[in-house]
Amino acid sequence: MQALEKNITVSQAPTQDGIVSTHSPRTGNLADQQGMQRMNKKQETRRDFKNVTMLAFSMILMCSWEGVLSTSAIAFGNGGRAGALYTNLAVWLGFIAVYASLGELGSMMPTSGDNQYHWVSELAPKRWQKFLSYVVGWLGVLGWQTGIAFSGYLTGTQIQGLLVLNYPGYVFERWHGTLLIIAMLSFAVFFNTVLAHRLPLVEGLILFIHVFGFIGIFATLLALSPKASHQAVWNTFYDPGWNNAGLSALIGGLVAATAPLLGADAAGKCAYHLSRYALLTREKAHMAEELQDAAYTLPRVMTLATFANGLMAFVMLIAICYCIGDIEAVLSTPTGYPFIQIFYNITGSLAATNAMTAFIIILSASSCITIMAGSSRQLFAFARDDGLPFSKWVARVRPGLDVPVNAILVSFAFAACISLVNIGSTAAFNSITSLGTGTLTISYIICLSCMIWLRIAGKPLLPSRFDLGRSLGLALNVVAVGFLVLVFVIAFFPPVPEPLLTVVSMNWSILIFGVVVVFAMLYYLLWGRKVYVGPVEYVRVLE
């Protein structure tokens, strides 16, 4: 309990007497202040985000229609066009259930960071609260920090893809990509520190590019490209050797569709030759402490962003399925990105292809900025609860800055170190960064399983301004957990069957996942259990 008392004294002093009636970016409204008081947290960041800007933040982070342009290639190689379409639709509906369930929890407990570890701390059976919360917190740290590196990789290698297209003599070197990753990460740090208070304005502007870029590219694809038949698009499956078309569609389509919607954080299992995913997921919850009237706005933003982005991704996938042309030729493009080759095949113009791809690069760069923002808040929050080494320094918010600069710098350093792996082996880099799927999915499963347990046991829940009700809430929770379990299992499957499978193309992320979990367990037993208390203990101080 000494650690608990120390934390309360230093950085988490109760704010029982700190509630004011005024509404400001510093404190938020009365509901915001009461929520922070209940969780015994000091408001250390500004609440600059409002409804529209937070919706923009969420949609840009997910970048779903942009993501599907890259990840659909995985589905075409496993399941074909029909498999890609049907699994994408199923995944979209599955994530609506997931984010509706998480939105209800976000309304109950709108705090910054990896909300799963906080939610589990309050929802799990008492004897397991501390341990499960710690494990979920570490899983969140791993998933989001590796996601920053891959987000930078996505943007950097898209630039390289354009160089290959425009300059046939250019050699696609891995170290070039690593330098571009670090440059993109530096740009994200600059935006999240020096221009931090302009982030909501920028997110609103980028939202227009996100929407109108979608309209422009979709219209171009339909207007200029020859169309495949309905039979080829909706009824033709492809099995590369699994001897089961349904399994093939699950392995390719489920992974490809998860990328732009779990974070699109998750599709880390695109870790084979076209592993081009962006961890575009639930950063919206990480930014809860910087959102005004968070308990009301957060869940609605989460569900609306999932619905809107999922719809745009599905519509864009339909267009790609009709316009892709020779699938094998497109998948083997030297640019590394099939959508760049599709743009060029359709327009026949380098200028037009460059302009269309520029939209994708701008939005990918914006997504990297938002992932850096959300990931650093997750790191900040877990450090604030003494969940990490050097927590005091990581969680420090310097006076006058109102943003967690130290957490941002740690996120940059971690991602930059991971990017160096790409110089030696892109396969090894993909295996590391693809952990986001497994880590974030299992954290969702643990969190929602606790919610199911509470509902079945008839135990009281915290008040929510996004109340799903007992029956509907339980049904959505069960559907969400069942769907996530399927995603978790399929995520660790090898990308191709034998004899196509090699040591390089093997999905090694299951091994890395296991090593990280074992390390987290050992760290907890040797050190973490002595200093980590869990967010629920701070809540109890006020009860």
Protein backbone atom coordinates (compact mmCIF):
# COMPACT_ATOMS: atom_id res chain seq x y z
CA MET A 1 0.00 0.00 0.00
CA GLN A 2 3.01 2.30 0.24
CA ALA A 3 3.09 2.55 -3.54
CA LEU A 4 -0.59 3.45 -3.50
CA GLU A 5 -0.11 6.20 -0.94
CA LYS A 6 2.91 7.51 -2.80
CA ASN A 7 1.05 7.73 -6.07
CA ILE A 8 -1.89 9.50 -4.53
CA THR A 9 0.40 12.05 -2.96
CA VAL A 10 2.56 12.74 -6.01
CA SER A 11 0.39 12.71 -9.11
CA GLN A 12 -3.04 11.32 -8.43
CA ALA A 13 -4.31 13.30 -5.49
CA PRO A 14 -8.07 13.10 -5.06
CA THR A 15 -9.95 15.95 -6.63
CA GLN A 16 -12.92 15.85 -4.29
CA ASP A 17 -12.72 19.58 -3.78
CA GLY A 18 -11.47 20.37 -7.25
CA ILE A 19 -14.74 20.32 -9.18
CA VAL A 20 -15.68 23.68 -10.58
CA SER A 21 -18.84 24.77 -12.30
CA THR A 22 -17.09 26.39 -15.24
CA HIS A 23 -16.48 24.64 -18.55
CA SER A 24 -13.02 25.02 -20.04
CA PRO A 25 -10.59 23.10 -22.27
CA ARG A 26 -8.51 22.50 -19.15
CA THR A 27 -11.19 20.85 -17.03
CA GLY A 28 -14.00 19.89 -19.39
CA ASN A 29 -17.60 20.08 -18.24
CA LEU A 30 -19.11 18.93 -14.94
CA ALA A 31 -19.54 15.34 -16.15
CA ASP A 32 -15.88 15.22 -17.21
CA GLN A 33 -14.74 16.46 -13.80
CA GLN A 34 -16.97 14.01 -11.95
CA GLY A 35 -15.66 11.13 -14.06
CA MET A 36 -12.04 12.02 -13.32
CA GLN A 37 -12.90 12.45 -9.62
CA ARG A 38 -14.51 9.01 -9.43
CA MET A 39 -11.37 7.44 -10.90
CA ASN A 40 -9.20 9.62 -8.62
CA LYS A 41 -7.22 11.00 -11.57
CA LYS A 42 -5.78 14.47 -11.94
CA GLN A 43 -6.64 16.18 -15.23
CA GLU A 44 -3.19 16.74 -16.73
CA THR A 45 -4.01 17.25 -20.42
CA ARG A 46 -6.29 19.72 -22.17
CA ARG A 47 -9.71 18.68 -23.41
CA ASP A 48 -9.30 20.11 -26.89
CA PHE A 49 -11.33 17.49 -28.76
CA LYS A 50 -15.06 17.94 -29.38
CA ASN A 51 -17.54 15.71 -31.19
CA VAL A 52 -16.57 16.44 -34.80
CA THR A 53 -12.83 16.60 -34.22
CA MET A 54 -12.82 13.37 -32.20
CA LEU A 55 -14.83 11.67 -34.95
CA ALA A 56 -12.22 12.93 -37.40
CA PHE A 57 -9.45 11.62 -35.15
CA SER A 58 -11.06 8.17 -35.02
CA MET A 59 -11.84 7.88 -38.72
CA ILE A 60 -8.38 9.05 -39.78
CA LEU A 61 -6.67 6.69 -37.38
CA MET A 62 -8.65 3.76 -38.74
CA CYS A 63 -8.15 4.85 -42.38
CA SER A 64 -10.31 1.92 -43.40
CA TRP A 65 -10.90 2.50 -47.10
CA GLU A 66 -7.24 3.43 -47.55
CA GLY A 67 -6.23 0.30 -45.66
CA VAL A 68 -8.42 -2.01 -47.71
CA LEU A 69 -6.61 -0.89 -50.86
CA SER A 70 -3.49 -2.57 -49.46
CA THR A 71 -4.81 -5.49 -47.45
CA SER A 72 -7.31 -6.73 -50.04
CA ALA A 73 -4.39 -8.32 -51.90
CA ILE A 74 -4.06 -10.79 -49.03
CA ALA A 75 -7.69 -11.81 -49.42
CA PHE A 76 -7.39 -12.19 -53.19
CA GLY A 77 -4.57 -14.70 -52.66
CA ASN A 78 -6.59 -16.61 -50.05
CA GLY A 79 -10.28 -16.87 -50.87
CA GLY A 80 -10.48 -14.76 -54.01
CA ARG A 81 -12.75 -11.82 -54.69
CA ALA A 82 -15.91 -13.47 -53.35
CA GLY A 83 -14.12 -14.57 -50.19
CA ALA A 84 -12.79 -11.06 -49.67
CA LEU A 85 -16.24 -9.48 -49.97
CA TYR A 86 -18.15 -11.84 -47.70
CA THR A 87 -15.52 -11.92 -44.96
CA ASN A 88 -15.18 -8.14 -45.07
CA LEU A 89 -18.91 -7.77 -44.51
CA ALA A 90 -18.84 -10.26 -41.62
CA VAL A 91 -15.85 -8.56 -39.99
CA TRP A 92 -17.50 -5.16 -40.28
CA LEU A 93 -20.60 -6.42 -38.46
CA GLY A 94 -18.43 -8.16 -35.88
CA PHE A 95 -16.55 -4.98 -35.07
CA ILE A 96 -19.77 -3.02 -34.71
CA ALA A 97 -20.65 -5.44 -31.89
CA VAL A 98 -17.14 -5.10 -30.43
CA TYR A 99 -17.06 -1.31 -30.44
CA ALA A 100 -20.63 -0.95 -29.22
CA SER A 101 -19.64 -3.11 -26.25
CA LEU A 102 -16.43 -1.16 -25.67
CA GLY A 103 -18.32 2.09 -26.12
CA GLU A 104 -20.59 1.21 -23.20
CA LEU A 105 -17.51 0.61 -21.05
CA GLY A 106 -15.95 3.83 -22.29
CA SER A 107 -19.01 5.74 -21.13
CA MET A 108 -18.72 4.15 -17.68
CA MET A 109 -14.98 4.82 -17.30
CA PRO A 110 -13.71 7.48 -19.75
CA THR A 111 -10.02 7.66 -18.85
CA SER A 112 -6.94 8.02 -21.01
CA GLY A 113 -4.74 5.25 -22.28
CA ASP A 114 -5.30 1.58 -22.88
CA ASN A 115 -8.79 1.55 -21.43
CA GLN A 116 -8.85 -2.23 -21.35
CA TYR A 117 -6.43 -2.44 -18.43
CA HIS A 118 -8.49 0.10 -16.48
CA TRP A 119 -11.78 -1.59 -17.30
CA VAL A 120 -10.47 -5.04 -16.37
CA SER A 121 -9.20 -3.61 -13.09
CA GLU A 122 -12.77 -2.68 -12.16
CA LEU A 123 -14.68 -5.52 -13.84
CA ALA A 124 -12.68 -8.66 -13.07
CA PRO A 125 -13.27 -10.83 -9.98
CA LYS A 126 -11.51 -9.18 -7.04
CA ARG A 127 -8.75 -11.77 -6.66
CA TRP A 128 -7.80 -11.40 -10.35
CA GLN A 129 -8.18 -7.64 -10.77
CA LYS A 130 -4.57 -6.65 -10.20
CA PHE A 131 -3.00 -9.48 -12.21
CA LEU A 132 -5.34 -9.32 -15.21
CA SER A 133 -5.16 -5.54 -15.32
CA TYR A 134 -1.36 -5.67 -15.38
CA VAL A 135 -1.27 -8.29 -18.15
CA VAL A 136 -3.79 -6.41 -20.29
CA GLY A 137 -1.84 -3.19 -19.75
CA TRP A 138 1.35 -4.79 -21.03
CA LEU A 139 -0.47 -6.28 -24.01
CA GLY A 140 -1.78 -2.83 -24.86
CA VAL A 141 1.66 -1.26 -24.60
CA LEU A 142 3.14 -3.86 -26.92
CA GLY A 143 0.33 -3.69 -29.46
CA TRP A 144 0.22 0.08 -29.79
CA GLN A 145 3.94 0.74 -29.65
CA THR A 146 4.65 -1.73 -32.45
CA GLY A 147 1.76 -0.18 -34.34
CA ILE A 148 3.54 3.16 -34.52
CA ALA A 149 6.49 1.55 -36.30
CA PHE A 150 4.31 -0.16 -38.86
CA SER A 151 2.30 2.98 -39.48
CA GLY A 152 5.52 4.80 -40.34
CA TYR A 153 6.58 1.84 -42.48
CA LEU A 154 3.32 1.98 -44.40
CA THR A 155 3.77 5.64 -45.29
CA GLY A 156 7.48 5.36 -46.09
CA THR A 157 7.17 2.36 -48.39
CA GLN A 158 4.23 3.90 -50.23
CA ILE A 159 6.58 6.75 -51.12
CA GLN A 160 9.11 4.16 -52.27
CA GLY A 161 6.41 2.52 -54.39
CA LEU A 162 5.87 5.79 -56.26
CA LEU A 163 9.63 6.11 -56.77
CA VAL A 164 9.72 2.64 -58.34
CA LEU A 165 6.83 3.54 -60.65
CA ASN A 166 8.25 6.89 -61.75
CA TYR A 167 11.93 5.95 -61.91
CA PRO A 168 12.44 2.42 -63.30
CA GLY A 169 16.13 2.55 -62.38
CA TYR A 170 15.38 3.10 -58.70
CA VAL A 171 16.28 0.12 -56.48
CA PHE A 172 13.86 -0.56 -53.61
CA GLU A 173 16.37 -0.69 -50.72
CA ARG A 174 15.24 -1.60 -47.20
CA TRP A 175 17.47 1.00 -45.57
CA HIS A 176 15.79 3.69 -47.67
CA GLY A 177 12.49 2.58 -46.18
CA THR A 178 13.92 2.69 -42.65
CA LEU A 179 15.08 6.27 -43.12
CA LEU A 180 11.62 7.20 -44.38
CA ILE A 181 10.07 5.49 -41.35
CA ILE A 182 12.21 7.52 -38.95
CA ALA A 183 11.43 10.71 -40.89
CA MET A 184 7.71 9.98 -40.62
CA LEU A 185 8.02 9.24 -36.90
CA SER A 186 9.86 12.53 -36.39
CA PHE A 187 7.09 14.36 -38.22
CA ALA A 188 4.51 12.69 -35.96
CA VAL A 189 6.46 13.73 -32.84
CA PHE A 190 6.65 17.34 -34.07
CA PHE A 191 2.91 17.40 -34.64
CA ASN A 192 2.14 15.86 -31.24
CA THR A 193 4.34 18.27 -29.30
CA VAL A 194 4.94 21.62 -30.99
CA LEU A 195 1.60 21.61 -32.83
CA ALA A 196 -0.33 19.61 -30.24
CA HIS A 197 -3.05 22.20 -29.70
CA ARG A 198 -3.62 22.43 -33.47
CA LEU A 199 -4.22 18.69 -33.73
CA PRO A 200 -8.05 18.94 -33.49
CA LEU A 201 -8.12 21.55 -36.28
CA VAL A 202 -5.82 19.49 -38.49
CA GLU A 203 -7.87 16.34 -37.86
CA GLY A 204 -10.98 18.17 -39.03
CA LEU A 205 -9.26 19.27 -42.25
CA ILE A 206 -7.90 15.79 -42.92
CA LEU A 207 -11.40 14.37 -42.46
CA PHE A 208 -12.45 16.29 -45.59
CA ILE A 209 -9.54 14.74 -47.51
CA HIS A 210 -10.54 11.34 -46.13
CA VAL A 211 -14.11 11.69 -47.40
CA PHE A 212 -13.53 13.52 -50.69
CA GLY A 213 -10.48 11.42 -51.51
CA PHE A 214 -12.70 8.36 -51.18
CA ILE A 215 -15.29 9.86 -53.52
CA GLY A 216 -12.69 10.88 -56.11
CA ILE A 217 -10.84 7.54 -56.20
CA PHE A 218 -14.04 5.50 -56.14
CA ALA A 219 -15.49 7.51 -59.04
CA THR A 220 -12.26 7.19 -61.04
CA LEU A 221 -12.17 3.42 -60.60
CA LEU A 222 -15.76 3.00 -61.76
CA ALA A 223 -15.54 5.48 -64.63
CA LEU A 224 -12.30 4.38 -66.30
CA SER A 225 -11.83 0.69 -65.58
CA PRO A 226 -13.24 -2.31 -67.48
CA LYS A 227 -15.56 -4.23 -65.16
CA ALA A 228 -15.45 -7.90 -64.23
CA SER A 229 -18.67 -9.92 -64.39
CA HIS A 230 -20.94 -10.28 -61.36
CA GLN A 231 -20.25 -14.02 -61.42
CA ALA A 232 -16.49 -13.45 -61.15
CA VAL A 233 -16.87 -10.97 -58.31
CA TRP A 234 -19.55 -12.54 -56.10
CA ASN A 235 -19.38 -16.27 -56.83
CA THR A 236 -15.74 -17.08 -57.59
CA PHE A 237 -13.56 -18.26 -54.71
CA TYR A 238 -9.86 -19.08 -54.82
CA ASP A 239 -8.13 -21.81 -52.79
CA PRO A 240 -4.30 -21.85 -53.04
CA GLY A 241 -4.06 -25.29 -51.48
CA TRP A 242 -5.96 -25.45 -48.18
CA ASN A 243 -8.43 -27.92 -49.72
CA ASN A 244 -11.27 -25.91 -48.23
CA ALA A 245 -12.56 -22.70 -49.81
CA GLY A 246 -14.18 -21.55 -46.56
CA LEU A 247 -10.96 -21.93 -44.57
CA SER A 248 -9.03 -20.18 -47.31
CA ALA A 249 -11.47 -17.25 -47.25
CA LEU A 250 -11.19 -17.02 -43.46
CA ILE A 251 -7.40 -17.02 -43.47
CA GLY A 252 -7.13 -14.37 -46.16
CA GLY A 253 -10.33 -12.38 -45.88
CA LEU A 254 -10.58 -12.25 -42.10
CA VAL A 255 -7.02 -10.99 -41.71
CA ALA A 256 -7.34 -8.50 -44.56
CA ALA A 257 -10.61 -7.07 -43.25
CA THR A 258 -9.42 -6.89 -39.65
CA ALA A 259 -6.52 -4.60 -40.55
CA PRO A 260 -8.57 -1.53 -41.45
CA LEU A 261 -11.10 -2.02 -38.64
CA LEU A 262 -9.21 -3.31 -35.59
CA GLY A 263 -7.15 -0.61 -35.56
CA ALA A 264 -7.46 -0.83 -37.62
CA ASP A 265 -5.12 -1.97 -35.36
CA ALA A 266 -4.89 -5.24 -35.90
CA ALA A 267 -4.19 -7.03 -39.03
CA GLY A 268 -0.77 -7.62 -38.01
CA LYS A 269 -0.99 -10.98 -39.50
CA CYS A 270 -0.49 -9.59 -42.92
CA ALA A 271 3.10 -10.48 -42.20
CA TYR A 272 3.87 -12.11 -45.47
CA HIS A 273 4.89 -10.69 -48.81
CA LEU A 274 2.15 -8.04 -48.94
CA SER A 275 1.96 -7.26 -45.24
CA ARG A 276 0.81 -3.67 -45.68
CA TYR A 277 -1.52 -2.96 -42.81
CA ALA A 278 -1.99 -0.05 -40.52
CA LEU A 279 -2.86 -0.47 -36.85
CA LEU A 280 -5.87 1.74 -37.10
CA THR A 281 -8.12 0.91 -33.99
CA ARG A 282 -9.61 2.21 -30.94
CA GLU A 283 -7.31 5.12 -30.32
CA LYS A 284 -10.45 7.05 -29.71
CA ALA A 285 -10.67 5.61 -26.22
CA HIS A 286 -7.04 6.49 -25.55
CA MET A 287 -7.83 10.16 -26.06
CA ALA A 288 -10.79 10.19 -23.66
CA GLU A 289 -9.16 12.61 -21.22
CA GLU A 290 -8.75 15.15 -24.03
CA LEU A 291 -12.37 14.89 -25.18
CA GLN A 292 -15.04 17.21 -23.83
CA ASP A 293 -18.10 15.44 -22.33
CA ALA A 294 -16.25 12.15 -22.86
CA ALA A 295 -18.81 9.85 -21.22
CA TYR A 296 -21.45 10.87 -23.76
CA THR A 297 -19.34 11.51 -26.86
CA LEU A 298 -16.78 8.70 -26.72
CA PRO A 299 -19.08 5.68 -27.27
CA ARG A 300 -21.01 7.40 -30.04
CA VAL A 301 -17.81 8.38 -31.82
CA MET A 302 -16.49 4.80 -31.56
CA THR A 303 -19.60 3.21 -33.05
CA LEU A 304 -20.19 5.88 -35.69
CA ALA A 305 -16.55 5.78 -36.83
CA THR A 306 -16.70 1.99 -37.08
CA PHE A 307 -19.94 2.07 -39.05
CA ALA A 308 -18.88 4.85 -41.43
CA ASN A 309 -15.35 3.61 -42.02
CA GLY A 310 -16.53 0.03 -42.40
CA LEU A 311 -19.09 1.12 -44.99
CA MET A 312 -16.51 3.06 -47.00
CA ALA A 313 -14.06 0.15 -46.81
CA PHE A 314 -16.69 -2.31 -48.06
CA VAL A 315 -17.74 -0.03 -50.92
CA MET A 316 -14.11 0.53 -51.94
CA LEU A 317 -13.47 -3.23 -51.84
CA ILE A 318 -16.42 -3.80 -54.18
CA ALA A 319 -14.92 -1.28 -56.62
CA ILE A 320 -11.50 -2.97 -56.44
CA CYS A 321 -13.03 -6.39 -57.04
CA TYR A 322 -14.72 -5.18 -60.22
CA CYS A 323 -11.73 -3.16 -61.48
CA ILE A 324 -8.61 -5.12 -60.52
CA GLY A 325 -8.15 -6.82 -63.90
CA ASP A 326 -5.38 -9.45 -64.03
CA ILE A 327 -5.05 -10.35 -60.34
CA GLU A 328 -1.74 -12.21 -60.63
CA ALA A 329 -0.09 -9.36 -62.53
CA VAL A 330 -1.32 -6.78 -60.03
CA LEU A 331 -0.18 -8.80 -57.01
CA SER A 332 3.33 -9.14 -58.43
CA THR A 333 3.78 -5.39 -59.00
CA PRO A 334 7.32 -4.08 -58.38
CA THR A 335 5.88 -1.10 -56.48
CA GLY A 336 5.02 -3.39 -53.56
CA TYR A 337 1.48 -1.99 -53.44
CA PRO A 338 -1.17 -3.43 -55.78
CA PHE A 339 -3.37 -0.34 -55.53
CA ILE A 340 -0.61 1.78 -57.10
CA GLN A 341 -0.45 -0.64 -60.03
CA ILE A 342 -4.26 -0.64 -60.32
CA PHE A 343 -4.31 3.16 -60.47
CA TYR A 344 -1.69 3.15 -63.21
CA ASN A 345 -3.38 0.36 -65.21
CA ILE A 346 -6.69 2.20 -65.14
CA THR A 347 -5.49 5.74 -65.89
CA GLY A 348 -2.40 4.97 -67.98
CA SER A 349 -0.94 8.19 -66.61
CA LEU A 350 1.92 8.68 -64.17
CA ALA A 351 0.59 12.10 -63.21
CA ALA A 352 -2.88 10.76 -62.40
CA THR A 353 -1.42 7.80 -60.49
CA ASN A 354 0.85 10.10 -58.50
CA ALA A 355 -2.06 12.38 -57.62
CA MET A 356 -4.33 9.52 -56.53
CA THR A 357 -1.58 7.86 -54.51
CA ALA A 358 -0.70 11.21 -52.92
CA PHE A 359 -4.13 11.19 -51.28
CA ILE A 360 -3.34 7.80 -49.74
CA ILE A 361 0.11 8.91 -48.56
CA ILE A 362 -1.26 12.09 -46.96
CA LEU A 363 -3.91 10.10 -45.14
CA SER A 364 -1.41 7.41 -44.10
CA ALA A 365 0.86 10.12 -42.69
CA SER A 366 -2.09 11.61 -40.83
CA SER A 367 -2.93 8.19 -39.45
CA CYS A 368 0.65 7.87 -38.20
CA ILE A 369 0.23 11.15 -36.33
CA THR A 370 -2.99 9.99 -34.69
CA ILE A 371 -1.54 6.58 -33.81
CA MET A 372 1.40 8.34 -32.17
CA ALA A 373 -1.05 10.50 -30.24
CA GLY A 374 -3.17 7.60 -29.03
CA SER A 375 -0.25 5.26 -28.32
CA SER A 376 1.60 7.84 -26.26
CA ARG A 377 -1.54 8.45 -24.17
CA GLN A 378 -1.84 4.71 -23.59
CA LEU A 379 1.79 4.58 -22.48
CA PHE A 380 1.30 7.66 -20.29
CA ALA A 381 -1.76 6.22 -18.56
CA PHE A 382 -0.19 2.84 -17.78
CA ALA A 383 2.96 4.54 -16.48
CA ARG A 384 0.78 6.82 -14.35
CA ASP A 385 -0.43 3.66 -12.60
CA ASP A 386 3.16 2.40 -12.09
CA GLY A 387 2.81 -0.35 -14.66
CA LEU A 388 6.15 0.24 -16.41
CA PRO A 389 9.83 0.67 -15.61
CA PHE A 390 10.71 4.34 -15.01
CA SER A 391 7.01 5.10 -14.67
CA LYS A 392 7.50 8.41 -12.85
CA TRP A 393 9.53 9.88 -15.70
CA VAL A 394 7.35 8.45 -18.48
CA ALA A 395 4.16 9.77 -16.86
CA ARG A 396 5.51 13.26 -16.18
CA VAL A 397 3.60 16.06 -17.90
CA ARG A 398 5.74 19.17 -18.03
CA PRO A 399 4.05 22.38 -16.83
CA GLY A 400 2.81 24.56 -19.64
CA LEU A 401 2.91 21.84 -22.31
CA ASP A 402 -0.29 19.96 -21.38
CA VAL A 403 0.81 16.95 -23.44
CA PRO A 404 2.75 13.84 -22.28
CA VAL A 405 6.02 14.74 -24.02
CA ASN A 406 8.07 12.07 -22.25
CA ALA A 407 5.64 9.35 -23.30
CA ILE A 408 5.73 10.65 -26.88
CA LEU A 409 9.54 10.55 -26.91
CA VAL A 410 9.59 7.00 -25.53
CA SER A 411 7.11 5.94 -28.22
CA PHE A 412 9.31 7.51 -30.89
CA ALA A 413 12.47 5.82 -29.59
CA PHE A 414 10.80 2.41 -29.38
CA ALA A 415 9.38 2.63 -32.89
CA ALA A 416 12.66 3.92 -34.32
CA CYS A 417 14.56 0.99 -32.79
CA ILE A 418 12.08 -1.47 -34.27
CA SER A 419 12.42 0.17 -37.68
CA LEU A 420 16.13 -0.67 -37.69
CA VAL A 421 15.19 -4.36 -37.85
CA ASN A 422 13.80 -3.68 -41.33
CA ILE A 423 17.34 -3.06 -42.62
CA GLY A 424 18.27 -6.67 -41.91
CA SER A 425 14.97 -8.41 -42.65
CA THR A 426 11.53 -7.16 -43.61
CA ALA A 427 10.08 -10.53 -42.56
CA ALA A 428 11.50 -10.12 -39.04
CA PHE A 429 10.20 -6.54 -38.92
CA ASN A 430 6.72 -7.71 -39.95
CA SER A 431 6.75 -10.47 -37.33
CA ILE A 432 7.41 -7.91 -34.60
CA THR A 433 4.98 -5.25 -35.75
CA SER A 434 2.23 -7.76 -36.51
CA LEU A 435 1.80 -8.51 -32.81
CA GLY A 436 -0.87 -5.83 -32.57
CA THR A 437 -3.55 -8.25 -33.72
CA GLY A 438 -2.94 -10.84 -31.05
CA THR A 439 -2.22 -8.50 -28.18
CA LEU A 440 -5.12 -6.12 -28.72
CA THR A 441 -7.59 -8.87 -29.59
CA ILE A 442 -6.85 -10.85 -26.43
CA SER A 443 -7.11 -7.67 -24.35
CA TYR A 444 -10.58 -7.07 -25.81
CA ILE A 445 -11.53 -10.68 -25.07
CA ILE A 446 -10.45 -10.46 -21.42
CA CYS A 447 -12.26 -7.17 -20.92
CA LEU A 448 -15.56 -8.20 -22.52
CA SER A 449 -15.46 -11.61 -20.83
CA CYS A 450 -15.41 -9.82 -17.48
CA MET A 451 -18.43 -7.80 -18.61
CA ILE A 452 -20.26 -11.00 -19.57
CA TRP A 453 -19.47 -12.49 -16.17
CA LEU A 454 -20.91 -9.45 -14.39
CA ARG A 455 -24.08 -9.50 -16.46
CA ILE A 456 -24.69 -13.23 -16.03
CA ALA A 457 -24.00 -12.99 -12.30
CA GLY A 458 -26.47 -10.13 -12.04
CA LYS A 459 -23.94 -7.82 -10.42
CA PRO A 460 -24.50 -4.03 -10.59
CA LEU A 461 -22.77 -2.06 -13.33
CA LEU A 462 -21.56 1.52 -13.25
CA PRO A 463 -23.90 4.17 -14.69
CA SER A 464 -23.46 4.65 -18.43
CA ARG A 465 -24.68 7.29 -20.86
CA PHE A 466 -24.53 4.62 -23.56
CA ASP A 467 -26.47 1.89 -21.78
CA LEU A 468 -27.09 -1.15 -24.02
CA GLY A 469 -29.41 -2.79 -21.51
CA ARG A 470 -28.97 -6.20 -19.92
CA SER A 471 -30.35 -8.39 -22.74
CA LEU A 472 -29.00 -6.49 -25.74
CA GLY A 473 -25.75 -5.75 -23.96
CA LEU A 474 -25.20 -9.41 -23.07
CA ALA A 475 -26.01 -10.52 -26.62
CA LEU A 476 -23.58 -8.00 -28.14
CA ASN A 477 -20.89 -8.92 -25.61
CA VAL A 478 -21.20 -12.64 -26.43
CA VAL A 479 -21.17 -12.01 -30.20
CA ALA A 480 -18.16 -9.72 -29.82
CA VAL A 481 -16.15 -12.24 -27.76
CA GLY A 482 -16.99 -15.11 -30.12
CA PHE A 483 -15.93 -13.02 -33.10
CA LEU A 484 -12.70 -11.89 -31.43
CA VAL A 485 -11.77 -15.45 -30.47
CA LEU A 486 -12.09 -16.43 -34.14
CA VAL A 487 -9.93 -13.47 -35.19
CA PHE A 488 -7.33 -14.32 -32.54
CA VAL A 489 -7.05 -17.93 -33.69
CA ILE A 490 -6.96 -17.18 -37.42
CA ALA A 491 -4.44 -14.38 -36.88
CA PHE A 492 -1.73 -16.90 -36.00
CA PHE A 493 -2.33 -19.20 -38.98
CA PRO A 494 0.44 -19.38 -41.61
CA PRO A 495 -0.37 -17.13 -44.58
CA VAL A 496 -0.06 -19.88 -47.20
CA PRO A 497 -0.39 -23.69 -47.17
CA GLU A 498 2.33 -26.20 -47.84
CA PRO A 499 4.29 -26.55 -50.10
CA LEU A 500 4.21 -22.75 -50.59
CA LEU A 501 5.13 -22.16 -46.95
CA THR A 502 8.79 -21.38 -46.22
CA VAL A 503 10.79 -20.34 -43.18
CA VAL A 504 10.67 -16.73 -44.35
CA SER A 505 6.94 -16.65 -45.12
CA MET A 506 5.97 -18.46 -41.91
CA ASN A 507 3.89 -16.48 -39.41
CA TRP A 508 6.34 -16.26 -36.49
CA SER A 509 4.27 -13.77 -34.50
CA ILE A 510 2.80 -16.58 -32.36
CA LEU A 511 6.31 -17.34 -31.09
CA ILE A 512 7.04 -13.68 -30.36
CA PHE A 513 3.64 -13.33 -28.68
CA GLY A 514 4.43 -16.25 -26.39
CA VAL A 515 7.86 -14.88 -25.49
CA VAL A 516 6.42 -11.47 -24.63
CA VAL A 517 3.67 -12.96 -22.47
CA VAL A 518 6.21 -15.08 -20.56
CA PHE A 519 8.42 -12.02 -20.07
CA ALA A 520 5.47 -10.00 -18.76
CA MET A 521 4.62 -12.79 -16.31
CA LEU A 522 8.19 -12.98 -15.00
CA TYR A 523 8.44 -9.21 -14.71
CA TYR A 524 5.19 -9.16 -12.75
CA LEU A 525 6.33 -11.87 -10.33
CA LEU A 526 9.76 -10.34 -9.77
CA TRP A 527 8.90 -6.64 -9.69
CA GLY A 528 5.53 -5.55 -11.03
CA ARG A 529 3.39 -7.01 -8.24
CA LYS A 530 5.39 -4.99 -5.69
CA VAL A 531 4.73 -1.58 -7.23
CA TYR A 532 1.65 -1.96 -9.42
CA VAL A 533 -1.65 -1.51 -7.62
CA GLY A 534 -4.23 -1.18 -10.37
CA PRO A 535 -6.63 1.66 -11.21
CA VAL A 536 -9.46 0.13 -9.18
CA GLU A 537 -7.58 0.83 -5.95
CA TYR A 538 -7.55 4.54 -6.68
CA VAL A 539 -11.27 4.46 -7.34
CA ARG A 540 -11.90 2.83 -3.97
CA VAL A 541 -10.19 5.68 -2.15
CA LEU A 542 -13.25 7.82 -2.86
CA GLU A 543 -15.88 5.21 -2.11
